[in-house]
Amino acid sequence: MDRTFSIAGQVLSAPRAAAGLHLVATPIGNLADITLRALETLAGVDVIACEDTRITRRLTERYAISAELVPYHEHNAAQARPKILERLAQGASIALVSDAGTPLISDPGFKLVREVCAAGHKVIAVPGASSVLTALSVAALPTDRFFFEGFLPAKEHARRARLGDLARIDATLVMFESGNRVQDSLRDLAAAMGGRDVAICRELTKLHEEITRGPIAELAAAADALETRGEFVLVVGPPPDDAAVMDQNALDDLLRAQLARGSVKDAVAHAVELSGRPRREVYARALELAKDTGDGDGED
């Protein structure tokens, strides 16, 4: 087997990779963003397990790597895992790569790594590109504590509910979104976390990379003009230091007091301003309390 790779026309030899599963980070867009160790590993393994062989082949052809490519993705994982484990038991060296970035980050490799570890085989990390860390580094938002959400739910109701949960997390939030949903997600973000800042990162490391920063409310209002082609990472800043979230009992007391004086609409507006909680959450609770008191007049 030819264990070599090429950089700028220079052919380099790679030693056979150690037996085990190598988790190899690959570029998130720019094929030049790969480490020498990653190239040596991909050239030195017996087989590369990848989400889409067509995408990984662009990388291996760029660097003249001839290792065997086999598919490993969410649709064939149950059938492919036993075959990979069998080859590892025979002493094979196998690389696991995702279509872009670090394996297991929004990627189906977790069960494979768990079973490889349970079988007593080595798991070796070959770190490199990550769209999560890349977006954080350029967002101009706090990075001391962050929460990675992955992709938001595609359905509107589920997405809004999830954003209500995320709004309670006192940290910078990082989430993936597709171009055909990013405008709707920005509007839902504005409803749930309108007082925060956001960085909209499009096509990171690629030719048309674009990063837009500003208050969520302002960028959501201009969402119709947003270029939606490409892949997005949204980075949402943490709540302001003075945005303490009111506990449930205090919120209920506030809503009851406001409902006794006026409409659900007015009570919700006042409670949202004082509680630090998402408007949809406050509105739902106000309706429940209004129903209990027989004053379910809605927002009109």
Protein backbone atom coordinates (compact mmCIF):
# COMPACT_ATOMS: atom_id res chain seq x y z
CA MET A 1 0.00 0.00 0.00
CA ASP A 2 1.32 3.42 -0.99
CA ARG A 3 1.52 5.47 2.24
CA THR A 4 2.42 8.88 0.89
CA PHE A 5 0.96 12.34 0.57
CA SER A 6 1.88 15.38 -1.49
CA ILE A 7 2.25 19.06 -0.58
CA ALA A 8 2.99 21.60 -3.31
CA GLY A 9 4.26 18.84 -5.56
CA GLN A 10 6.60 17.33 -2.97
CA VAL A 11 5.82 13.69 -2.16
CA LEU A 12 6.29 12.74 1.48
CA SER A 13 6.23 9.28 3.05
CA ALA A 14 4.00 8.49 6.01
CA PRO A 15 4.66 5.73 8.53
CA ARG A 16 1.90 3.19 9.06
CA ALA A 17 -0.47 4.68 11.61
CA ALA A 18 -0.75 2.93 14.96
CA ALA A 19 -3.55 0.38 15.29
CA GLY A 20 -6.74 1.97 16.58
CA LEU A 21 -9.33 4.58 15.69
CA HIS A 22 -7.91 8.00 14.77
CA LEU A 23 -10.34 10.93 15.04
CA VAL A 24 -9.00 13.31 12.40
CA ALA A 25 -10.20 16.91 12.11
CA THR A 26 -10.50 18.11 8.52
CA PRO A 27 -10.98 21.60 7.00
CA ILE A 28 -14.33 23.35 7.42
CA GLY A 29 -14.08 24.97 3.99
CA ASN A 30 -10.56 25.93 2.97
CA LEU A 31 -8.67 22.73 2.09
CA ALA A 32 -5.41 24.37 3.12
CA ASP A 33 -6.58 24.36 6.74
CA ILE A 34 -5.27 20.90 7.58
CA THR A 35 -2.39 19.93 9.84
CA LEU A 36 0.69 17.99 8.79
CA ARG A 37 -0.14 15.40 11.41
CA ALA A 38 -3.62 14.95 9.92
CA LEU A 39 -2.17 14.41 6.44
CA GLU A 40 0.37 11.93 7.77
CA THR A 41 -2.37 10.07 9.63
CA LEU A 42 -4.76 9.92 6.66
CA ALA A 43 -1.95 8.64 4.46
CA GLY A 44 -0.82 6.14 7.08
CA VAL A 45 -4.09 4.44 8.04
CA ASP A 46 -5.51 1.35 6.38
CA VAL A 47 -8.93 2.89 5.80
CA ILE A 48 -10.72 6.22 6.21
CA ALA A 49 -14.32 6.10 7.46
CA CYS A 50 -16.17 9.21 6.31
CA GLU A 51 -19.66 10.70 6.15
CA ASP A 52 -19.59 11.23 2.38
CA THR A 53 -16.84 9.60 0.34
CA ARG A 54 -17.27 12.20 -2.41
CA ILE A 55 -16.48 15.07 -0.06
CA THR A 56 -13.54 13.32 1.60
CA ARG A 57 -12.18 12.32 -1.80
CA ARG A 58 -11.73 16.00 -2.69
CA LEU A 59 -9.37 16.25 0.28
CA THR A 60 -7.49 13.03 -0.41
CA GLU A 61 -7.10 13.91 -4.09
CA ARG A 62 -5.82 17.39 -3.20
CA TYR A 63 -3.01 15.81 -1.17
CA ALA A 64 -2.57 12.62 -3.28
CA ILE A 65 -3.61 10.26 -0.49
CA SER A 66 -4.62 6.80 -1.66
CA ALA A 67 -6.14 5.26 1.48
CA GLU A 68 -9.37 3.29 1.08
CA LEU A 69 -12.53 5.31 1.77
CA VAL A 70 -15.60 3.69 3.34
CA PRO A 71 -18.87 5.42 4.25
CA TYR A 72 -19.86 5.88 7.89
CA HIS A 73 -22.91 8.09 8.46
CA GLU A 74 -26.16 8.15 10.40
CA HIS A 75 -27.99 6.04 7.82
CA ASN A 76 -25.53 3.12 7.72
CA ALA A 77 -23.87 3.40 11.13
CA ALA A 78 -25.62 0.38 12.68
CA GLN A 79 -24.39 -1.85 9.85
CA ALA A 80 -20.96 -0.25 9.47
CA ARG A 81 -19.91 -0.25 13.15
CA PRO A 82 -19.50 -4.04 13.49
CA LYS A 83 -17.31 -4.11 10.37
CA ILE A 84 -15.09 -1.34 11.70
CA LEU A 85 -14.82 -3.07 15.08
CA GLU A 86 -13.89 -6.32 13.34
CA ARG A 87 -11.11 -4.65 11.41
CA LEU A 88 -9.81 -2.98 14.57
CA ALA A 89 -9.78 -6.38 16.28
CA GLN A 90 -7.54 -7.57 13.44
CA GLY A 91 -5.07 -4.77 14.15
CA ALA A 92 -6.17 -2.24 11.55
CA SER A 93 -5.59 1.49 11.78
CA ILE A 94 -8.73 3.44 10.86
CA ALA A 95 -9.34 7.18 10.57
CA LEU A 96 -12.75 8.66 11.26
CA VAL A 97 -13.48 12.00 9.59
CA SER A 98 -16.58 14.14 9.21
CA ASP A 99 -17.46 16.11 6.10
CA ALA A 100 -15.94 19.18 7.74
CA GLY A 101 -14.32 19.96 11.06
CA THR A 102 -13.81 17.78 14.11
CA PRO A 103 -15.48 14.34 14.25
CA LEU A 104 -18.31 13.85 16.79
CA ILE A 105 -19.25 17.57 16.77
CA SER A 106 -22.74 17.47 15.18
CA ASP A 107 -21.59 14.18 13.70
CA PRO A 108 -22.70 10.53 14.16
CA GLY A 109 -19.41 9.16 15.54
CA PHE A 110 -20.27 9.01 19.25
CA LYS A 111 -21.61 5.44 19.28
CA LEU A 112 -18.64 4.20 17.30
CA VAL A 113 -16.13 5.76 19.70
CA ARG A 114 -18.05 4.38 22.68
CA GLU A 115 -18.02 0.84 21.27
CA VAL A 116 -14.37 1.07 20.22
CA CYS A 117 -13.45 2.09 23.77
CA ALA A 118 -15.62 -0.67 25.24
CA ALA A 119 -13.82 -3.21 23.04
CA GLY A 120 -10.48 -2.06 24.42
CA HIS A 121 -9.07 -0.49 21.24
CA LYS A 122 -7.12 2.76 21.20
CA VAL A 123 -8.83 6.03 20.28
CA ILE A 124 -6.43 8.76 19.13
CA ALA A 125 -7.42 12.40 18.61
CA VAL A 126 -5.81 14.36 15.76
CA PRO A 127 -7.10 17.89 16.46
CA GLY A 128 -7.61 20.68 13.98
CA ALA A 129 -10.34 22.82 12.46
CA SER A 130 -13.64 23.43 14.25
CA SER A 131 -16.35 25.78 13.06
CA VAL A 132 -17.51 26.25 16.65
CA LEU A 133 -14.16 27.58 17.85
CA THR A 134 -13.57 29.50 14.62
CA ALA A 135 -16.88 31.33 15.00
CA LEU A 136 -16.22 32.06 18.68
CA SER A 137 -12.82 33.52 17.89
CA VAL A 138 -14.17 36.08 15.42
CA ALA A 139 -17.55 36.85 17.02
CA ALA A 140 -16.20 39.59 19.33
CA LEU A 141 -18.33 38.14 22.13
CA PRO A 142 -17.32 36.66 25.52
CA THR A 143 -15.61 33.27 25.20
CA ASP A 144 -14.88 32.43 28.83
CA ARG A 145 -18.02 30.27 29.01
CA PHE A 146 -20.04 29.00 26.07
CA PHE A 147 -22.74 26.45 25.25
CA PHE A 148 -22.84 24.60 21.92
CA GLU A 149 -26.36 23.80 20.77
CA GLY A 150 -25.76 22.32 17.32
CA PHE A 151 -28.65 22.74 14.88
CA LEU A 152 -31.86 24.31 16.12
CA PRO A 153 -35.09 22.33 15.52
CA ALA A 154 -36.46 22.77 12.03
CA LYS A 155 -40.12 23.11 13.09
CA GLU A 156 -41.14 26.57 14.26
CA HIS A 157 -42.90 25.53 17.47
CA ALA A 158 -40.05 23.27 18.60
CA ARG A 159 -37.46 25.89 17.68
CA ARG A 160 -39.19 28.61 19.69
CA ALA A 161 -39.56 26.30 22.67
CA ARG A 162 -35.90 25.37 22.53
CA LEU A 163 -34.83 29.00 22.29
CA GLY A 164 -36.88 29.68 25.40
CA ASP A 165 -34.81 27.05 27.21
CA LEU A 166 -31.54 28.41 25.83
CA ALA A 167 -32.40 31.92 26.96
CA ARG A 168 -31.95 30.78 30.57
CA ILE A 169 -28.30 29.79 30.04
CA ASP A 170 -25.89 32.42 31.33
CA ALA A 171 -23.24 31.90 28.65
CA THR A 172 -22.43 32.65 25.04
CA LEU A 173 -24.46 30.36 22.76
CA VAL A 174 -23.19 28.76 19.55
CA MET A 175 -25.58 27.15 17.10
CA PHE A 176 -25.59 25.92 13.52
CA GLU A 177 -28.26 26.91 11.02
CA SER A 178 -29.01 26.27 7.37
CA GLY A 179 -29.47 29.04 4.83
CA ASN A 180 -33.14 28.27 4.25
CA ARG A 181 -33.98 28.69 7.96
CA VAL A 182 -31.55 31.34 9.19
CA GLN A 183 -33.93 34.28 8.66
CA ASP A 184 -36.72 32.63 10.67
CA SER A 185 -34.27 31.61 13.38
CA LEU A 186 -33.00 35.17 13.71
CA ARG A 187 -36.54 36.46 14.20
CA ASP A 188 -37.21 33.78 16.82
CA LEU A 189 -33.93 34.64 18.52
CA ALA A 190 -34.97 38.28 18.67
CA ALA A 191 -38.25 37.30 20.33
CA ALA A 192 -36.49 35.11 22.91
CA MET A 193 -33.27 37.07 23.51
CA GLY A 194 -33.81 40.48 21.97
CA GLY A 195 -31.51 42.29 24.38
CA ARG A 196 -28.38 40.40 23.36
CA ASP A 197 -25.76 40.72 20.62
CA VAL A 198 -25.17 38.17 17.88
CA ALA A 199 -22.53 37.34 15.29
CA ILE A 200 -23.86 35.79 12.08
CA CYS A 201 -20.97 33.80 10.59
CA ARG A 202 -21.51 32.67 7.00
CA GLU A 203 -19.23 30.42 4.96
CA LEU A 204 -16.36 30.47 7.46
CA THR A 205 -12.88 30.08 5.87
CA LYS A 206 -14.40 30.01 2.38
CA LEU A 207 -14.12 32.50 -0.47
CA HIS A 208 -17.33 34.32 0.45
CA GLU A 209 -16.84 34.34 4.23
CA GLU A 210 -18.99 37.00 5.85
CA ILE A 211 -19.42 37.94 9.51
CA THR A 212 -22.16 40.34 10.60
CA ARG A 213 -22.22 41.56 14.20
CA GLY A 214 -24.79 43.59 16.11
CA PRO A 215 -27.87 43.52 18.37
CA ILE A 216 -30.15 40.58 17.64
CA ALA A 217 -33.21 42.81 17.33
CA GLU A 218 -31.57 44.99 14.67
CA LEU A 219 -30.21 42.10 12.61
CA ALA A 220 -33.51 40.22 12.83
CA ALA A 221 -35.34 43.29 11.55
CA ALA A 222 -33.03 43.29 8.52
CA ALA A 223 -33.19 39.50 8.02
CA ASP A 224 -35.00 39.76 4.67
CA ALA A 225 -31.86 41.35 3.18
CA LEU A 226 -29.55 38.64 4.52
CA GLU A 227 -27.60 36.57 1.99
CA THR A 228 -28.81 33.04 2.74
CA ARG A 229 -26.54 30.99 0.50
CA GLY A 230 -24.04 28.89 2.41
CA GLU A 231 -23.62 27.51 5.91
CA PHE A 232 -24.14 29.53 9.08
CA VAL A 233 -22.86 29.57 12.63
CA LEU A 234 -24.76 31.89 14.97
CA VAL A 235 -22.98 33.12 18.09
CA VAL A 236 -25.23 34.80 20.66
CA GLY A 237 -23.73 36.78 23.50
CA PRO A 238 -24.68 36.08 27.13
CA PRO A 239 -27.38 38.11 28.85
CA PRO A 240 -26.21 41.46 30.26
CA ASP A 241 -24.88 41.38 33.81
CA ASP A 242 -27.92 43.24 35.07
CA ALA A 243 -30.40 40.89 33.37
CA ALA A 244 -31.15 38.67 36.36
CA VAL A 245 -33.92 36.17 35.61
CA MET A 246 -36.86 36.33 37.99
CA ASP A 247 -37.76 33.04 39.68
CA GLN A 248 -41.09 31.36 38.97
CA ASN A 249 -42.84 32.33 42.20
CA ALA A 250 -41.89 35.98 41.80
CA LEU A 251 -43.03 35.92 38.18
CA ASP A 252 -46.39 34.44 39.17
CA ASP A 253 -46.88 37.09 41.86
CA LEU A 254 -46.03 39.85 39.39
CA LEU A 255 -48.40 38.48 36.75
CA ARG A 256 -51.26 38.06 39.21
CA ALA A 257 -50.83 41.63 40.35
CA GLN A 258 -50.80 42.94 36.80
CA LEU A 259 -53.71 40.77 35.70
CA ALA A 260 -55.78 42.17 38.54
CA ARG A 261 -55.22 45.65 37.11
CA GLY A 262 -55.51 45.11 33.37
CA SER A 263 -55.31 42.89 30.30
CA VAL A 264 -53.09 39.89 29.61
CA LYS A 265 -51.31 41.94 26.97
CA ASP A 266 -50.36 44.68 29.41
CA ALA A 267 -49.45 42.21 32.13
CA VAL A 268 -47.14 40.31 29.78
CA ALA A 269 -45.43 43.46 28.52
CA HIS A 270 -44.72 44.60 32.07
CA ALA A 271 -43.57 41.15 33.25
CA VAL A 272 -41.23 40.62 30.30
CA GLU A 273 -39.53 43.92 31.01
CA LEU A 274 -38.98 43.12 34.69
CA SER A 275 -38.46 39.35 34.72
CA GLY A 276 -35.70 38.80 32.17
CA ARG A 277 -37.66 35.83 30.83
CA PRO A 278 -38.61 35.19 27.16
CA ARG A 279 -41.86 36.81 26.09
CA ARG A 280 -43.42 33.56 24.86
CA GLU A 281 -42.80 31.90 28.21
CA VAL A 282 -44.30 34.84 30.12
CA TYR A 283 -47.31 34.96 27.80
CA ALA A 284 -48.01 31.24 28.20
CA ARG A 285 -47.83 31.53 31.99
CA ALA A 286 -50.05 34.63 31.96
CA LEU A 287 -52.73 32.74 30.01
CA GLU A 288 -52.62 29.92 32.55
CA LEU A 289 -53.01 32.30 35.46
CA ALA A 290 -55.73 34.29 33.70
CA LYS A 291 -57.63 31.06 33.06
CA ASP A 292 -57.37 30.11 36.74
CA THR A 293 -58.85 33.47 37.73
CA GLY A 294 -61.47 33.40 34.97
CA ASP A 295 -59.94 36.41 33.20
CA GLY A 296 -58.68 34.80 30.01
CA ASP A 297 -59.07 37.80 27.77
CA GLY A 298 -56.02 37.04 25.58
CA GLU A 299 -53.94 39.76 23.99
CA ASP A 300 -56.64 41.64 22.13
